[in-house]
Amino acid sequence: MAGEQITVVLLVSLPGAIALFGYDGVSTAVDSALALGVFLLLASRIRATRRYTLGELSSLRAEGPGTRIAGAVVTLCIAVPLLMV
């Protein structure tokens, strides 16, 4: 994932978004930079647990299959409308 976040498209699109959309483009650029920073901070912790999916990470704190089922339902509720578009 980290390799795909820092691509030429990201580096070229952020200055273009700032030029075209002004303040909205600046907020998009700042949001992208903050999200990348948070991801990089969490990436080492996630890798250290040797559990790479959201369901596996959630099951560390909550026991039983309920956590994985809830994660699967939320993922499907978000992904299905996006895939339909």
Protein backbone atom coordinates (compact mmCIF):
# COMPACT_ATOMS: atom_id res chain seq x y z
CA MET A 1 0.00 0.00 0.00
CA ALA A 2 2.70 2.47 0.89
CA GLY A 3 4.29 2.11 -2.53
CA GLU A 4 1.05 3.00 -4.24
CA GLN A 5 0.39 6.07 -2.11
CA ILE A 6 3.54 7.85 -3.25
CA THR A 7 3.11 7.75 -7.00
CA VAL A 8 3.70 10.19 -9.77
CA VAL A 9 -0.05 10.71 -10.02
CA LEU A 10 -0.21 11.85 -6.40
CA LEU A 11 2.78 14.13 -6.76
CA VAL A 12 1.44 15.69 -9.96
CA SER A 13 -2.23 15.88 -9.01
CA LEU A 14 -1.81 17.76 -5.72
CA PRO A 15 -0.23 20.92 -7.22
CA GLY A 16 -2.83 20.73 -9.99
CA ALA A 17 -5.65 20.49 -7.46
CA ILE A 18 -4.26 23.50 -5.61
CA ALA A 19 -4.03 25.49 -8.85
CA LEU A 20 -7.54 24.58 -9.99
CA PHE A 21 -9.52 24.54 -6.74
CA GLY A 22 -7.70 26.96 -4.47
CA TYR A 23 -8.43 26.39 -0.77
CA ASP A 24 -10.20 23.09 -1.45
CA GLY A 25 -7.10 21.88 -3.28
CA VAL A 26 -4.90 22.94 -0.36
CA SER A 27 -7.11 21.05 2.09
CA THR A 28 -6.94 17.98 -0.16
CA ALA A 29 -3.15 18.21 -0.26
CA VAL A 30 -2.90 18.59 3.52
CA ASP A 31 -5.34 15.70 4.08
CA SER A 32 -3.32 13.46 1.77
CA ALA A 33 -0.07 14.33 3.53
CA LEU A 34 -1.57 13.72 6.98
CA ALA A 35 -3.10 10.41 5.91
CA LEU A 36 0.23 9.27 4.49
CA GLY A 37 2.01 10.29 7.70
CA VAL A 38 -0.46 8.42 9.90
CA PHE A 39 -0.21 5.39 7.64
CA LEU A 40 3.58 5.38 7.87
CA LEU A 41 3.44 5.69 11.66
CA LEU A 42 1.04 2.76 11.94
CA ALA A 43 2.70 0.59 9.29
CA SER A 44 5.56 -0.54 11.52
CA ARG A 45 3.19 -1.43 14.37
CA ILE A 46 0.93 -3.38 12.05
CA ARG A 47 3.89 -5.23 10.57
CA ALA A 48 5.23 -6.07 14.04
CA THR A 49 1.99 -7.87 14.96
CA ARG A 50 2.29 -10.11 11.86
CA ARG A 51 -1.42 -9.63 11.27
CA TYR A 52 -2.14 -7.74 8.11
CA THR A 53 -5.91 -7.49 7.72
CA LEU A 54 -8.27 -5.22 9.61
CA GLY A 55 -10.16 -8.23 10.93
CA GLU A 56 -7.00 -9.78 12.33
CA LEU A 57 -5.95 -6.54 13.99
CA SER A 58 -9.40 -6.07 15.51
CA SER A 59 -9.46 -9.62 16.81
CA LEU A 60 -6.41 -8.83 18.96
CA ARG A 61 -8.58 -6.66 21.20
CA ALA A 62 -12.03 -8.22 20.83
CA GLU A 63 -12.62 -11.93 21.04
CA GLY A 64 -15.04 -14.02 19.04
CA PRO A 65 -16.18 -13.93 15.43
CA GLY A 66 -18.32 -10.81 15.91
CA THR A 67 -15.48 -8.44 15.13
CA ARG A 68 -14.64 -10.12 11.84
CA ILE A 69 -18.31 -10.27 10.84
CA ALA A 70 -18.77 -6.57 11.61
CA GLY A 71 -15.66 -5.69 9.61
CA ALA A 72 -16.86 -7.76 6.66
CA VAL A 73 -20.31 -6.16 6.71
CA VAL A 74 -18.87 -2.63 6.84
CA THR A 75 -16.45 -3.43 4.03
CA LEU A 76 -19.23 -4.75 1.83
CA CYS A 77 -21.49 -1.78 2.62
CA ILE A 78 -18.74 0.57 1.44
CA ALA A 79 -17.35 -1.44 -1.47
CA VAL A 80 -20.55 -2.56 -3.21
CA PRO A 81 -21.88 0.95 -4.00
CA LEU A 82 -18.43 2.04 -5.16
CA LEU A 83 -18.11 -0.96 -7.44
CA MET A 84 -21.58 -0.37 -8.89
CA VAL A 85 -20.64 3.17 -9.93
